[in-house]
Amino acid sequence: MNEVLAWFLGGVESIDPVLRTLFAGFAVLLETSVLIGLVIPGDSVVLVASTGVGTTLEYWMLIVAIVVGALIGESIGFYLGKTFGPAIQHSRLGKLVGHKNWVAAEKFLDHRGGWAVFVSRFLPVLHSIVPLTAGIIGMEYRRFIAWTAPACVVWAALYVSVGHSAALSFEALSDSLHFAGYIFAGVVLLFVVVMTLVKKALHKFAHDERDSAK
């Protein structure tokens, strides 16, 4: 296990830091714009990229790249929604999202406003369609960005910190513990489980708020 994990982490770390950072930021940009987030696993990309961080500078640059990528992507989604909203909703990709999800996002935003924007950053599906929907319903961009920016910072810092810390722990223990790889896997798995539970709780909150808005 240690050998396999060391090979994997070494491969990630061997990628040029600038290229790795830019790729992660670009992947998140794509994830948060034009419904591409339905197929690109931004969470996984960020976790993997963070395991290759080797210095404090790389750590902060990765967080900055991810936040900037997310804000650009969500801004693109917002303005596309504002300009081409109905056309996107009725496109083939928009229909794949499902009419219920579009209606749910609109009701959530109508009822909770900026808070809905913040929460959606941590929810599957909604984090891809809320920027578009915010543009469609005419939310002010200044208000939209004021709520999504702190959510992006929290999200980026959380995922980068966990991935980086897990990799550092493995490196520190791999020479003395033959099961260090399992500790690494356990830490990542625990984080994924906790985030899944948090997402379910937030999703239930969003669902309850949407129901109360009916």
C-alpha atoms as a PDB file:
ATOM      1  CA  MET A   1       0.000   0.000   0.000  1.00  0.00           C
ATOM      2  CA  ASN A   2       2.775   2.420   0.941  1.00  0.00           C
ATOM      3  CA  GLU A   3       4.632   1.760  -2.306  1.00  0.00           C
ATOM      4  CA  VAL A   4       1.570   2.293  -4.481  1.00  0.00           C
ATOM      5  CA  LEU A   5       0.577   5.477  -2.676  1.00  0.00           C
ATOM      6  CA  ALA A   6       4.135   6.811  -2.719  1.00  0.00           C
ATOM      7  CA  TRP A   7       4.219   6.211  -6.487  1.00  0.00           C
ATOM      8  CA  PHE A   8       0.913   8.036  -6.959  1.00  0.00           C
ATOM      9  CA  LEU A   9       1.803  11.003  -4.753  1.00  0.00           C
ATOM     10  CA  GLY A  10       5.237  11.180  -6.325  1.00  0.00           C
ATOM     11  CA  GLY A  11       3.617  11.347  -9.742  1.00  0.00           C
ATOM     12  CA  VAL A  12       1.374  14.224  -8.700  1.00  0.00           C
ATOM     13  CA  GLU A  13       4.271  16.042  -7.043  1.00  0.00           C
ATOM     14  CA  SER A  14       6.465  15.595 -10.129  1.00  0.00           C
ATOM     15  CA  ILE A  15       4.073  17.683 -12.224  1.00  0.00           C
ATOM     16  CA  ASP A  16       5.313  21.242 -12.620  1.00  0.00           C
ATOM     17  CA  PRO A  17       3.754  23.221  -9.719  1.00  0.00           C
ATOM     18  CA  VAL A  18       2.669  26.063 -11.987  1.00  0.00           C
ATOM     19  CA  LEU A  19       1.048  23.673 -14.452  1.00  0.00           C
ATOM     20  CA  ARG A  20      -0.621  21.701 -11.652  1.00  0.00           C
ATOM     21  CA  THR A  21      -1.959  24.876 -10.050  1.00  0.00           C
ATOM     22  CA  LEU A  22      -3.251  26.317 -13.320  1.00  0.00           C
ATOM     23  CA  PHE A  23      -4.884  23.017 -14.260  1.00  0.00           C
ATOM     24  CA  ALA A  24      -6.717  22.827 -10.934  1.00  0.00           C
ATOM     25  CA  GLY A  25      -7.919  26.416 -11.254  1.00  0.00           C
ATOM     26  CA  PHE A  26      -9.059  25.861 -14.839  1.00  0.00           C
ATOM     27  CA  ALA A  27     -10.854  22.636 -13.909  1.00  0.00           C
ATOM     28  CA  VAL A  28     -12.792  24.467 -11.198  1.00  0.00           C
ATOM     29  CA  LEU A  29     -13.556  27.272 -13.653  1.00  0.00           C
ATOM     30  CA  LEU A  30     -15.102  24.737 -16.015  1.00  0.00           C
ATOM     31  CA  GLU A  31     -16.918  23.038 -13.160  1.00  0.00           C
ATOM     32  CA  THR A  32     -18.696  26.215 -12.121  1.00  0.00           C
ATOM     33  CA  SER A  33     -19.770  27.442 -15.566  1.00  0.00           C
ATOM     34  CA  VAL A  34     -22.272  26.364 -18.201  1.00  0.00           C
ATOM     35  CA  LEU A  35     -23.372  23.188 -16.398  1.00  0.00           C
ATOM     36  CA  ILE A  36     -19.990  21.510 -16.945  1.00  0.00           C
ATOM     37  CA  GLY A  37     -19.928  20.947 -13.191  1.00  0.00           C
ATOM     38  CA  LEU A  38     -22.400  18.138 -13.754  1.00  0.00           C
ATOM     39  CA  VAL A  39     -19.608  16.021 -15.264  1.00  0.00           C
ATOM     40  CA  ILE A  40     -16.321  17.450 -13.936  1.00  0.00           C
ATOM     41  CA  PRO A  41     -15.593  16.396 -10.318  1.00  0.00           C
ATOM     42  CA  GLY A  42     -14.080  19.601  -8.977  1.00  0.00           C
ATOM     43  CA  ASP A  43     -13.775  18.199  -5.456  1.00  0.00           C
ATOM     44  CA  SER A  44     -11.623  15.307  -6.674  1.00  0.00           C
ATOM     45  CA  VAL A  45      -9.413  17.509  -8.856  1.00  0.00           C
ATOM     46  CA  VAL A  46      -8.685  19.842  -5.944  1.00  0.00           C
ATOM     47  CA  LEU A  47      -7.939  17.010  -3.514  1.00  0.00           C
ATOM     48  CA  VAL A  48      -5.529  15.325  -5.927  1.00  0.00           C
ATOM     49  CA  ALA A  49      -3.770  18.576  -6.825  1.00  0.00           C
ATOM     50  CA  SER A  50      -3.353  19.476  -3.145  1.00  0.00           C
ATOM     51  CA  THR A  51      -1.470  16.251  -2.421  1.00  0.00           C
ATOM     52  CA  GLY A  52       1.337  17.502  -4.647  1.00  0.00           C
ATOM     53  CA  VAL A  53       1.841  20.774  -2.784  1.00  0.00           C
ATOM     54  CA  GLY A  54       5.433  20.986  -1.613  1.00  0.00           C
ATOM     55  CA  THR A  55       5.860  24.492  -0.188  1.00  0.00           C
ATOM     56  CA  THR A  56       3.859  27.133   1.638  1.00  0.00           C
ATOM     57  CA  LEU A  57       3.911  29.265  -1.516  1.00  0.00           C
ATOM     58  CA  GLU A  58       2.449  26.419  -3.576  1.00  0.00           C
ATOM     59  CA  TYR A  59      -0.236  25.899  -0.923  1.00  0.00           C
ATOM     60  CA  TRP A  60      -1.428  29.494  -1.053  1.00  0.00           C
ATOM     61  CA  MET A  61      -1.092  29.755  -4.816  1.00  0.00           C
ATOM     62  CA  LEU A  62      -3.278  26.671  -5.237  1.00  0.00           C
ATOM     63  CA  ILE A  63      -5.974  28.152  -2.992  1.00  0.00           C
ATOM     64  CA  VAL A  64      -5.812  31.450  -4.896  1.00  0.00           C
ATOM     65  CA  ALA A  65      -5.992  29.679  -8.270  1.00  0.00           C
ATOM     66  CA  ILE A  66      -9.007  27.640  -7.196  1.00  0.00           C
ATOM     67  CA  VAL A  67     -10.836  30.651  -5.758  1.00  0.00           C
ATOM     68  CA  VAL A  68     -10.116  32.747  -8.855  1.00  0.00           C
ATOM     69  CA  GLY A  69     -11.151  29.876 -11.136  1.00  0.00           C
ATOM     70  CA  ALA A  70     -14.387  29.379  -9.208  1.00  0.00           C
ATOM     71  CA  LEU A  71     -15.233  33.095  -9.250  1.00  0.00           C
ATOM     72  CA  ILE A  72     -14.546  33.409 -12.972  1.00  0.00           C
ATOM     73  CA  GLY A  73     -16.576  30.290 -13.706  1.00  0.00           C
ATOM     74  CA  GLU A  74     -19.507  31.409 -11.584  1.00  0.00           C
ATOM     75  CA  SER A  75     -19.369  34.899 -13.100  1.00  0.00           C
ATOM     76  CA  ILE A  76     -19.503  33.376 -16.576  1.00  0.00           C
ATOM     77  CA  GLY A  77     -22.472  31.263 -15.511  1.00  0.00           C
ATOM     78  CA  PHE A  78     -24.191  34.318 -13.999  1.00  0.00           C
ATOM     79  CA  TYR A  79     -23.877  36.448 -17.132  1.00  0.00           C
ATOM     80  CA  LEU A  80     -24.779  33.589 -19.445  1.00  0.00           C
ATOM     81  CA  GLY A  81     -27.904  33.070 -17.354  1.00  0.00           C
ATOM     82  CA  LYS A  82     -28.668  36.773 -17.506  1.00  0.00           C
ATOM     83  CA  THR A  83     -28.188  36.898 -21.286  1.00  0.00           C
ATOM     84  CA  PHE A  84     -29.176  33.458 -22.574  1.00  0.00           C
ATOM     85  CA  GLY A  85     -31.003  31.922 -19.603  1.00  0.00           C
ATOM     86  CA  PRO A  86     -34.161  30.571 -21.278  1.00  0.00           C
ATOM     87  CA  ALA A  87     -32.196  29.281 -24.274  1.00  0.00           C
ATOM     88  CA  ILE A  88     -29.825  27.384 -21.972  1.00  0.00           C
ATOM     89  CA  GLN A  89     -32.703  25.954 -19.940  1.00  0.00           C
ATOM     90  CA  HIS A  90     -34.387  24.655 -23.084  1.00  0.00           C
ATOM     91  CA  SER A  91     -31.181  23.371 -24.664  1.00  0.00           C
ATOM     92  CA  ARG A  92     -30.343  19.675 -24.681  1.00  0.00           C
ATOM     93  CA  LEU A  93     -27.926  20.122 -21.783  1.00  0.00           C
ATOM     94  CA  GLY A  94     -30.425  22.224 -19.873  1.00  0.00           C
ATOM     95  CA  LYS A  95     -33.064  19.532 -20.260  1.00  0.00           C
ATOM     96  CA  LEU A  96     -30.645  16.982 -18.830  1.00  0.00           C
ATOM     97  CA  VAL A  97     -30.575  19.029 -15.636  1.00  0.00           C
ATOM     98  CA  GLY A  98     -34.308  18.510 -15.324  1.00  0.00           C
ATOM     99  CA  HIS A  99     -37.146  21.003 -14.998  1.00  0.00           C
ATOM    100  CA  LYS A 100     -37.522  20.221 -11.282  1.00  0.00           C
ATOM    101  CA  ASN A 101     -33.918  21.220 -10.552  1.00  0.00           C
ATOM    102  CA  TRP A 102     -34.311  24.537 -12.397  1.00  0.00           C
ATOM    103  CA  VAL A 103     -37.507  25.294 -10.494  1.00  0.00           C
ATOM    104  CA  ALA A 104     -35.917  24.213  -7.199  1.00  0.00           C
ATOM    105  CA  ALA A 105     -32.903  26.495  -7.737  1.00  0.00           C
ATOM    106  CA  GLU A 106     -35.149  29.449  -8.588  1.00  0.00           C
ATOM    107  CA  LYS A 107     -37.368  28.949  -5.539  1.00  0.00           C
ATOM    108  CA  PHE A 108     -34.360  28.508  -3.275  1.00  0.00           C
ATOM    109  CA  LEU A 109     -32.867  31.772  -4.539  1.00  0.00           C
ATOM    110  CA  ASP A 110     -36.180  33.604  -4.328  1.00  0.00           C
ATOM    111  CA  HIS A 111     -36.668  32.564  -0.720  1.00  0.00           C
ATOM    112  CA  ARG A 112     -33.124  32.685   0.672  1.00  0.00           C
ATOM    113  CA  GLY A 113     -31.337  35.048  -1.711  1.00  0.00           C
ATOM    114  CA  GLY A 114     -27.634  35.421  -0.963  1.00  0.00           C
ATOM    115  CA  TRP A 115     -27.597  32.634   1.596  1.00  0.00           C
ATOM    116  CA  ALA A 116     -28.758  30.236  -1.123  1.00  0.00           C
ATOM    117  CA  VAL A 117     -25.788  31.323  -3.260  1.00  0.00           C
ATOM    118  CA  PHE A 118     -23.389  30.611  -0.384  1.00  0.00           C
ATOM    119  CA  VAL A 119     -24.846  27.192   0.449  1.00  0.00           C
ATOM    120  CA  SER A 120     -25.029  26.077  -3.194  1.00  0.00           C
ATOM    121  CA  ARG A 121     -21.220  26.102  -3.455  1.00  0.00           C
ATOM    122  CA  PHE A 122     -21.198  22.960  -1.312  1.00  0.00           C
ATOM    123  CA  LEU A 123     -24.068  21.137  -3.036  1.00  0.00           C
ATOM    124  CA  PRO A 124     -23.939  18.885  -6.107  1.00  0.00           C
ATOM    125  CA  VAL A 125     -26.027  19.990  -9.104  1.00  0.00           C
ATOM    126  CA  LEU A 126     -27.112  23.228  -7.423  1.00  0.00           C
ATOM    127  CA  HIS A 127     -23.580  24.654  -7.469  1.00  0.00           C
ATOM    128  CA  SER A 128     -23.660  24.362 -11.263  1.00  0.00           C
ATOM    129  CA  ILE A 129     -27.098  25.831 -11.903  1.00  0.00           C
ATOM    130  CA  VAL A 130     -27.428  28.473  -9.175  1.00  0.00           C
ATOM    131  CA  PRO A 131     -25.068  30.986 -10.916  1.00  0.00           C
ATOM    132  CA  LEU A 132     -27.100  30.625 -14.127  1.00  0.00           C
ATOM    133  CA  THR A 133     -30.373  30.871 -12.220  1.00  0.00           C
ATOM    134  CA  ALA A 134     -29.189  33.941 -10.291  1.00  0.00           C
ATOM    135  CA  GLY A 135     -28.588  35.655 -13.617  1.00  0.00           C
ATOM    136  CA  ILE A 136     -31.942  34.509 -14.992  1.00  0.00           C
ATOM    137  CA  ILE A 137     -33.979  35.895 -12.075  1.00  0.00           C
ATOM    138  CA  GLY A 138     -32.166  39.226 -12.178  1.00  0.00           C
ATOM    139  CA  MET A 139     -30.131  39.098  -8.966  1.00  0.00           C
ATOM    140  CA  GLU A 140     -27.620  41.938  -8.789  1.00  0.00           C
ATOM    141  CA  TYR A 141     -24.125  40.725  -9.691  1.00  0.00           C
ATOM    142  CA  ARG A 142     -22.633  42.673  -6.781  1.00  0.00           C
ATOM    143  CA  ARG A 143     -24.852  40.796  -4.360  1.00  0.00           C
ATOM    144  CA  PHE A 144     -24.197  37.474  -6.060  1.00  0.00           C
ATOM    145  CA  ILE A 145     -20.413  37.826  -5.963  1.00  0.00           C
ATOM    146  CA  ALA A 146     -20.484  39.095  -2.355  1.00  0.00           C
ATOM    147  CA  TRP A 147     -22.077  35.815  -1.255  1.00  0.00           C
ATOM    148  CA  THR A 148     -20.282  33.370  -3.521  1.00  0.00           C
ATOM    149  CA  ALA A 149     -16.757  34.750  -2.906  1.00  0.00           C
ATOM    150  CA  PRO A 150     -16.533  33.750   0.793  1.00  0.00           C
ATOM    151  CA  ALA A 151     -18.106  30.371  -0.013  1.00  0.00           C
ATOM    152  CA  CYS A 152     -15.428  29.745  -2.650  1.00  0.00           C
ATOM    153  CA  VAL A 153     -12.676  30.730  -0.195  1.00  0.00           C
ATOM    154  CA  VAL A 154     -13.982  28.376   2.505  1.00  0.00           C
ATOM    155  CA  TRP A 155     -14.457  25.539   0.007  1.00  0.00           C
ATOM    156  CA  ALA A 156     -10.992  25.936  -1.531  1.00  0.00           C
ATOM    157  CA  ALA A 157      -9.176  26.272   1.801  1.00  0.00           C
ATOM    158  CA  LEU A 158     -10.966  23.246   3.228  1.00  0.00           C
ATOM    159  CA  TYR A 159     -10.206  20.871   0.363  1.00  0.00           C
ATOM    160  CA  VAL A 160      -6.624  22.027  -0.194  1.00  0.00           C
ATOM    161  CA  SER A 161      -5.843  21.829   3.531  1.00  0.00           C
ATOM    162  CA  VAL A 162      -7.205  18.304   3.892  1.00  0.00           C
ATOM    163  CA  GLY A 163      -5.426  16.973   0.802  1.00  0.00           C
ATOM    164  CA  HIS A 164      -2.142  18.648   1.698  1.00  0.00           C
ATOM    165  CA  SER A 165      -2.282  17.556   5.357  1.00  0.00           C
ATOM    166  CA  ALA A 166      -3.049  13.962   4.417  1.00  0.00           C
ATOM    167  CA  ALA A 167      -0.075  13.865   2.037  1.00  0.00           C
ATOM    168  CA  LEU A 168       2.259  15.399   4.642  1.00  0.00           C
ATOM    169  CA  SER A 169       1.130  12.873   7.243  1.00  0.00           C
ATOM    170  CA  PHE A 170       1.814  10.001   4.880  1.00  0.00           C
ATOM    171  CA  GLU A 171       5.299  11.298   4.061  1.00  0.00           C
ATOM    172  CA  ALA A 172       6.101  11.655   7.760  1.00  0.00           C
ATOM    173  CA  LEU A 173       4.876   8.169   8.674  1.00  0.00           C
ATOM    174  CA  SER A 174       5.677   6.082   5.592  1.00  0.00           C
ATOM    175  CA  ASP A 175       9.221   5.230   6.679  1.00  0.00           C
ATOM    176  CA  SER A 176       8.234   4.077  10.173  1.00  0.00           C
ATOM    177  CA  LEU A 177       4.753   2.597   9.657  1.00  0.00           C
ATOM    178  CA  HIS A 178       4.001   0.005   7.001  1.00  0.00           C
ATOM    179  CA  PHE A 179       0.309   0.900   7.249  1.00  0.00           C
ATOM    180  CA  ALA A 180       0.831   4.648   6.721  1.00  0.00           C
ATOM    181  CA  GLY A 181      -0.935   4.318   3.377  1.00  0.00           C
ATOM    182  CA  TYR A 182      -4.058   3.075   5.123  1.00  0.00           C
ATOM    183  CA  ILE A 183      -3.930   6.050   7.494  1.00  0.00           C
ATOM    184  CA  PHE A 184      -3.794   8.359   4.479  1.00  0.00           C
ATOM    185  CA  ALA A 185      -6.714   6.562   2.851  1.00  0.00           C
ATOM    186  CA  GLY A 186      -8.633   6.648   6.140  1.00  0.00           C
ATOM    187  CA  VAL A 187      -8.151  10.398   6.560  1.00  0.00           C
ATOM    188  CA  VAL A 188      -9.328  11.101   3.015  1.00  0.00           C
ATOM    189  CA  LEU A 189     -12.235   8.675   3.351  1.00  0.00           C
ATOM    190  CA  LEU A 190     -13.280  10.224   6.670  1.00  0.00           C
ATOM    191  CA  PHE A 191     -13.219  13.679   5.092  1.00  0.00           C
ATOM    192  CA  VAL A 192     -15.314  12.471   2.138  1.00  0.00           C
ATOM    193  CA  VAL A 193     -17.836  10.858   4.503  1.00  0.00           C
ATOM    194  CA  VAL A 194     -18.063  13.990   6.674  1.00  0.00           C
ATOM    195  CA  MET A 195     -18.502  16.215   3.615  1.00  0.00           C
ATOM    196  CA  THR A 196     -21.153  13.861   2.267  1.00  0.00           C
ATOM    197  CA  LEU A 197     -23.082  14.146   5.530  1.00  0.00           C
ATOM    198  CA  VAL A 198     -22.678  17.924   5.507  1.00  0.00           C
ATOM    199  CA  LYS A 199     -23.892  18.081   1.912  1.00  0.00           C
ATOM    200  CA  LYS A 200     -26.904  15.937   2.787  1.00  0.00           C
ATOM    201  CA  ALA A 201     -27.741  18.238   5.699  1.00  0.00           C
ATOM    202  CA  LEU A 202     -27.391  21.322   3.499  1.00  0.00           C
ATOM    203  CA  HIS A 203     -29.417  19.650   0.766  1.00  0.00           C
ATOM    204  CA  LYS A 204     -32.167  18.918   3.281  1.00  0.00           C
ATOM    205  CA  PHE A 205     -32.007  22.532   4.427  1.00  0.00           C
ATOM    206  CA  ALA A 206     -32.316  23.708   0.831  1.00  0.00           C
ATOM    207  CA  HIS A 207     -35.175  21.285   0.217  1.00  0.00           C
ATOM    208  CA  ASP A 208     -37.014  22.447   3.337  1.00  0.00           C
ATOM    209  CA  GLU A 209     -36.532  26.075   2.407  1.00  0.00           C
ATOM    210  CA  ARG A 210     -37.811  25.455  -1.106  1.00  0.00           C
ATOM    211  CA  ASP A 211     -40.858  23.675   0.262  1.00  0.00           C
ATOM    212  CA  SER A 212     -41.623  26.536   2.631  1.00  0.00           C
ATOM    213  CA  ALA A 213     -41.415  28.919  -0.324  1.00  0.00           C
ATOM    214  CA  LYS A 214     -44.240  27.147  -2.182  1.00  0.00           C
END
